[in-house]
Amino acid sequence: MHQGGTPLEDKSLDYYRERARAECEAALNAECAEARRAHAEMAAAYDRLVEIAELELRGDLPPGKVASMAEVLHDREDAEFGGHAPKPITDVTE
C-alpha cells in the first residue's frame, strides 16, 4: 500500500478510489457470476486500501502497522497461507 513506511499520496488515493468505482461498475455489468464475484472482490480490496491509507493519514493507524500485522499472521505456525499451512482434515465424523 505504501513505500518505505509513508502513507499513500492523495493522487494515489484518488486512483484507488477510482479503481474501486470501476470494479463495482464492472461487477454490475459482468455477464457471469464468476466475473461479478472477481470484480466485487477487487472493488472491496481497493476500498480496504483506501480505508487503511485514510486511517494512516489521520494518524489513527501507525504507518506500516497493517503490513507488520500481516507478516506476523503469515509467519504463524498454523497460517493458512505461507510456509506452515495446517494439515488437511482427513477423518471427518458426523
N, C-alpha and C. Protein backbone atom coordinates (compact mmCIF):
# COMPACT_ATOMS: atom_id res chain seq x y z
N MET A 1 0.81 -1.18 0.00
CA MET A 1 0.00 0.00 0.00
C MET A 1 0.86 1.24 0.00
N HIS A 2 1.96 1.22 0.69
CA HIS A 2 2.81 2.39 0.71
C HIS A 2 4.25 1.94 0.66
N GLN A 3 5.11 2.82 0.25
CA GLN A 3 6.53 2.54 0.13
C GLN A 3 7.29 3.14 1.30
N GLY A 4 8.20 2.39 1.87
CA GLY A 4 9.07 2.93 2.89
C GLY A 4 8.38 3.47 4.13
N GLY A 5 7.21 2.94 4.48
CA GLY A 5 6.53 3.37 5.68
C GLY A 5 5.82 4.70 5.59
N THR A 6 5.69 5.26 4.39
CA THR A 6 4.98 6.54 4.23
C THR A 6 3.60 6.29 3.66
N PRO A 7 2.61 7.05 4.10
CA PRO A 7 1.24 6.86 3.61
C PRO A 7 1.13 7.15 2.11
N LEU A 8 0.09 6.63 1.53
CA LEU A 8 -0.19 6.91 0.13
C LEU A 8 -0.43 8.40 -0.05
N GLU A 9 -0.04 8.92 -1.19
CA GLU A 9 -0.31 10.32 -1.51
C GLU A 9 -1.77 10.46 -1.95
N ASP A 10 -2.27 11.70 -1.89
CA ASP A 10 -3.65 11.95 -2.28
C ASP A 10 -3.95 11.47 -3.69
N LYS A 11 -3.01 11.67 -4.62
CA LYS A 11 -3.26 11.24 -6.00
C LYS A 11 -3.37 9.72 -6.08
N SER A 12 -2.62 9.00 -5.24
CA SER A 12 -2.74 7.55 -5.20
C SER A 12 -4.09 7.14 -4.63
N LEU A 13 -4.53 7.85 -3.59
CA LEU A 13 -5.84 7.56 -3.02
C LEU A 13 -6.94 7.77 -4.04
N ASP A 14 -6.84 8.85 -4.80
CA ASP A 14 -7.83 9.10 -5.85
C ASP A 14 -7.82 7.98 -6.87
N TYR A 15 -6.65 7.50 -7.23
CA TYR A 15 -6.54 6.39 -8.19
C TYR A 15 -7.25 5.16 -7.63
N TYR A 16 -6.98 4.81 -6.36
CA TYR A 16 -7.59 3.62 -5.77
C TYR A 16 -9.09 3.78 -5.60
N ARG A 17 -9.54 4.98 -5.29
CA ARG A 17 -10.99 5.21 -5.22
C ARG A 17 -11.63 5.00 -6.59
N GLU A 18 -10.97 5.51 -7.63
CA GLU A 18 -11.50 5.34 -8.98
C GLU A 18 -11.50 3.87 -9.39
N ARG A 19 -10.45 3.16 -9.02
CA ARG A 19 -10.38 1.72 -9.34
C ARG A 19 -11.52 0.97 -8.64
N ALA A 20 -11.80 1.34 -7.38
CA ALA A 20 -12.90 0.69 -6.65
C ALA A 20 -14.22 0.94 -7.36
N ARG A 21 -14.44 2.19 -7.80
CA ARG A 21 -15.68 2.51 -8.52
C ARG A 21 -15.76 1.72 -9.84
N ALA A 22 -14.65 1.67 -10.55
CA ALA A 22 -14.62 0.95 -11.84
C ALA A 22 -14.89 -0.54 -11.64
N GLU A 23 -14.31 -1.11 -10.58
CA GLU A 23 -14.53 -2.54 -10.31
C GLU A 23 -15.99 -2.80 -9.92
N CYS A 24 -16.59 -1.89 -9.15
CA CYS A 24 -18.02 -2.03 -8.82
C CYS A 24 -18.87 -2.01 -10.07
N GLU A 25 -18.57 -1.07 -10.96
CA GLU A 25 -19.31 -0.98 -12.21
C GLU A 25 -19.12 -2.24 -13.05
N ALA A 26 -17.88 -2.72 -13.10
CA ALA A 26 -17.60 -3.95 -13.85
C ALA A 26 -18.36 -5.13 -13.26
N ALA A 27 -18.47 -5.18 -11.93
CA ALA A 27 -19.22 -6.26 -11.28
C ALA A 27 -20.69 -6.19 -11.67
N LEU A 28 -21.24 -4.99 -11.70
CA LEU A 28 -22.65 -4.83 -12.08
C LEU A 28 -22.91 -5.22 -13.53
N ASN A 29 -21.92 -4.99 -14.38
CA ASN A 29 -22.10 -5.24 -15.81
C ASN A 29 -21.57 -6.59 -16.27
N ALA A 30 -20.97 -7.36 -15.40
CA ALA A 30 -20.40 -8.65 -15.78
C ALA A 30 -21.51 -9.62 -16.19
N GLU A 31 -21.17 -10.48 -17.13
CA GLU A 31 -22.17 -11.38 -17.67
C GLU A 31 -22.25 -12.72 -16.96
N CYS A 32 -21.26 -13.05 -16.14
CA CYS A 32 -21.33 -14.32 -15.43
C CYS A 32 -21.01 -14.11 -13.95
N ALA A 33 -21.44 -15.05 -13.14
CA ALA A 33 -21.28 -14.94 -11.68
C ALA A 33 -19.81 -14.89 -11.29
N GLU A 34 -18.98 -15.65 -11.95
CA GLU A 34 -17.56 -15.68 -11.62
C GLU A 34 -16.90 -14.31 -11.83
N ALA A 35 -17.23 -13.67 -12.93
CA ALA A 35 -16.68 -12.33 -13.21
C ALA A 35 -17.23 -11.31 -12.22
N ARG A 36 -18.54 -11.41 -11.90
CA ARG A 36 -19.12 -10.49 -10.92
C ARG A 36 -18.41 -10.62 -9.58
N ARG A 37 -18.18 -11.85 -9.16
CA ARG A 37 -17.51 -12.10 -7.88
C ARG A 37 -16.08 -11.55 -7.90
N ALA A 38 -15.35 -11.79 -8.98
CA ALA A 38 -13.96 -11.32 -9.07
C ALA A 38 -13.89 -9.79 -9.02
N HIS A 39 -14.77 -9.13 -9.77
CA HIS A 39 -14.78 -7.66 -9.77
C HIS A 39 -15.21 -7.12 -8.40
N ALA A 40 -16.16 -7.77 -7.76
CA ALA A 40 -16.59 -7.33 -6.43
C ALA A 40 -15.46 -7.49 -5.41
N GLU A 41 -14.70 -8.57 -5.50
CA GLU A 41 -13.57 -8.77 -4.60
C GLU A 41 -12.50 -7.70 -4.83
N MET A 42 -12.25 -7.36 -6.08
CA MET A 42 -11.26 -6.32 -6.37
C MET A 42 -11.74 -4.97 -5.84
N ALA A 43 -13.02 -4.68 -6.02
CA ALA A 43 -13.56 -3.42 -5.50
C ALA A 43 -13.40 -3.35 -3.99
N ALA A 44 -13.69 -4.44 -3.31
CA ALA A 44 -13.54 -4.47 -1.85
C ALA A 44 -12.08 -4.28 -1.44
N ALA A 45 -11.17 -4.88 -2.19
CA ALA A 45 -9.74 -4.74 -1.88
C ALA A 45 -9.29 -3.30 -2.04
N TYR A 46 -9.70 -2.65 -3.12
CA TYR A 46 -9.35 -1.23 -3.31
C TYR A 46 -9.96 -0.37 -2.20
N ASP A 47 -11.19 -0.68 -1.81
CA ASP A 47 -11.83 0.07 -0.72
C ASP A 47 -11.03 -0.09 0.58
N ARG A 48 -10.53 -1.29 0.84
CA ARG A 48 -9.73 -1.51 2.05
C ARG A 48 -8.43 -0.72 2.00
N LEU A 49 -7.79 -0.69 0.84
CA LEU A 49 -6.56 0.10 0.70
C LEU A 49 -6.81 1.56 1.03
N VAL A 50 -7.91 2.09 0.51
CA VAL A 50 -8.25 3.49 0.77
C VAL A 50 -8.53 3.70 2.25
N GLU A 51 -9.30 2.81 2.84
CA GLU A 51 -9.65 2.94 4.25
C GLU A 51 -8.40 2.92 5.14
N ILE A 52 -7.49 2.00 4.88
CA ILE A 52 -6.26 1.91 5.67
C ILE A 52 -5.41 3.17 5.49
N ALA A 53 -5.28 3.62 4.24
CA ALA A 53 -4.48 4.82 3.97
C ALA A 53 -5.09 6.05 4.66
N GLU A 54 -6.41 6.16 4.65
CA GLU A 54 -7.05 7.29 5.32
C GLU A 54 -6.82 7.24 6.82
N LEU A 55 -6.86 6.05 7.42
CA LEU A 55 -6.56 5.91 8.84
C LEU A 55 -5.13 6.33 9.14
N GLU A 56 -4.20 5.95 8.26
CA GLU A 56 -2.80 6.34 8.44
C GLU A 56 -2.63 7.85 8.31
N LEU A 57 -3.30 8.45 7.33
CA LEU A 57 -3.18 9.90 7.13
C LEU A 57 -3.72 10.69 8.30
N ARG A 58 -4.79 10.19 8.92
CA ARG A 58 -5.37 10.87 10.09
C ARG A 58 -4.57 10.61 11.36
N GLY A 59 -3.66 9.66 11.30
CA GLY A 59 -2.88 9.31 12.48
C GLY A 59 -3.56 8.31 13.38
N ASP A 60 -4.67 7.73 12.93
CA ASP A 60 -5.39 6.73 13.72
C ASP A 60 -4.76 5.35 13.62
N LEU A 61 -3.85 5.17 12.69
CA LEU A 61 -3.17 3.89 12.48
C LEU A 61 -1.72 4.20 12.11
N PRO A 62 -0.77 3.65 12.86
CA PRO A 62 0.64 3.93 12.53
C PRO A 62 0.98 3.39 11.14
N PRO A 63 1.72 4.15 10.34
CA PRO A 63 2.12 3.66 9.01
C PRO A 63 2.86 2.33 9.14
N GLY A 64 2.48 1.37 8.29
CA GLY A 64 3.13 0.07 8.29
C GLY A 64 2.53 -0.93 9.26
N LYS A 65 1.62 -0.50 10.12
CA LYS A 65 1.03 -1.38 11.13
C LYS A 65 0.32 -2.57 10.49
N VAL A 66 -0.47 -2.33 9.47
CA VAL A 66 -1.22 -3.41 8.82
C VAL A 66 -0.26 -4.39 8.17
N ALA A 67 0.79 -3.88 7.52
CA ALA A 67 1.76 -4.75 6.88
C ALA A 67 2.47 -5.61 7.91
N SER A 68 2.83 -5.03 9.05
CA SER A 68 3.52 -5.81 10.08
C SER A 68 2.58 -6.85 10.68
N MET A 69 1.29 -6.52 10.82
CA MET A 69 0.32 -7.49 11.32
C MET A 69 0.18 -8.64 10.33
N ALA A 70 0.14 -8.32 9.04
CA ALA A 70 0.02 -9.36 8.01
C ALA A 70 1.24 -10.28 8.04
N GLU A 71 2.42 -9.72 8.23
CA GLU A 71 3.62 -10.54 8.29
C GLU A 71 3.58 -11.50 9.48
N VAL A 72 3.12 -11.01 10.63
CA VAL A 72 3.01 -11.87 11.81
C VAL A 72 2.03 -13.00 11.55
N LEU A 73 0.88 -12.67 10.96
CA LEU A 73 -0.11 -13.70 10.67
C LEU A 73 0.43 -14.71 9.67
N HIS A 74 1.15 -14.24 8.68
CA HIS A 74 1.72 -15.12 7.66
C HIS A 74 2.75 -16.08 8.26
N ASP A 75 3.51 -15.62 9.24
CA ASP A 75 4.59 -16.40 9.81
C ASP A 75 4.15 -17.35 10.92
N ARG A 76 2.88 -17.32 11.29
CA ARG A 76 2.38 -18.23 12.33
C ARG A 76 2.55 -19.67 11.89
N GLU A 77 2.67 -20.55 12.85
CA GLU A 77 2.79 -21.98 12.56
C GLU A 77 1.53 -22.52 11.86
N ASP A 78 0.36 -22.00 12.24
CA ASP A 78 -0.89 -22.51 11.67
C ASP A 78 -1.45 -21.63 10.55
N ALA A 79 -0.58 -20.82 9.93
CA ALA A 79 -1.03 -19.92 8.86
C ALA A 79 -1.60 -20.71 7.70
N GLU A 80 -2.77 -20.29 7.23
CA GLU A 80 -3.40 -20.96 6.10
C GLU A 80 -2.59 -20.74 4.83
N PHE A 81 -2.03 -19.55 4.67
CA PHE A 81 -1.23 -19.22 3.51
C PHE A 81 0.18 -18.96 3.97
N GLY A 82 1.12 -19.53 3.30
CA GLY A 82 2.51 -19.36 3.69
C GLY A 82 3.17 -20.71 3.86
N GLY A 83 4.29 -20.71 4.51
CA GLY A 83 5.09 -21.92 4.61
C GLY A 83 4.57 -22.95 5.58
N HIS A 84 3.66 -22.60 6.47
CA HIS A 84 3.25 -23.53 7.51
C HIS A 84 1.74 -23.74 7.49
N ALA A 85 1.22 -24.18 6.37
CA ALA A 85 -0.22 -24.38 6.24
C ALA A 85 -0.64 -25.56 7.11
N PRO A 86 -1.83 -25.48 7.71
CA PRO A 86 -2.30 -26.60 8.51
C PRO A 86 -2.54 -27.83 7.65
N LYS A 87 -2.40 -28.97 8.27
CA LYS A 87 -2.64 -30.22 7.55
C LYS A 87 -4.14 -30.38 7.32
N PRO A 88 -4.54 -30.90 6.16
CA PRO A 88 -5.97 -31.08 5.90
C PRO A 88 -6.57 -32.13 6.83
N ILE A 89 -7.83 -31.96 7.16
CA ILE A 89 -8.53 -32.92 7.99
C ILE A 89 -8.93 -34.09 7.10
N THR A 90 -8.51 -35.29 7.48
CA THR A 90 -8.80 -36.46 6.66
C THR A 90 -9.87 -37.34 7.26
N ASP A 91 -10.06 -37.29 8.57
CA ASP A 91 -11.05 -38.13 9.22
C ASP A 91 -12.17 -37.25 9.77
N VAL A 92 -13.30 -37.23 9.07
CA VAL A 92 -14.43 -36.41 9.49
C VAL A 92 -15.55 -37.33 9.90
N THR A 93 -15.97 -37.19 11.16
CA THR A 93 -17.10 -37.99 11.63
C THR A 93 -18.24 -37.04 11.93
N GLU A 94 -19.43 -37.50 11.66
CA GLU A 94 -20.60 -36.64 11.87
C GLU A 94 -21.35 -37.05 13.09
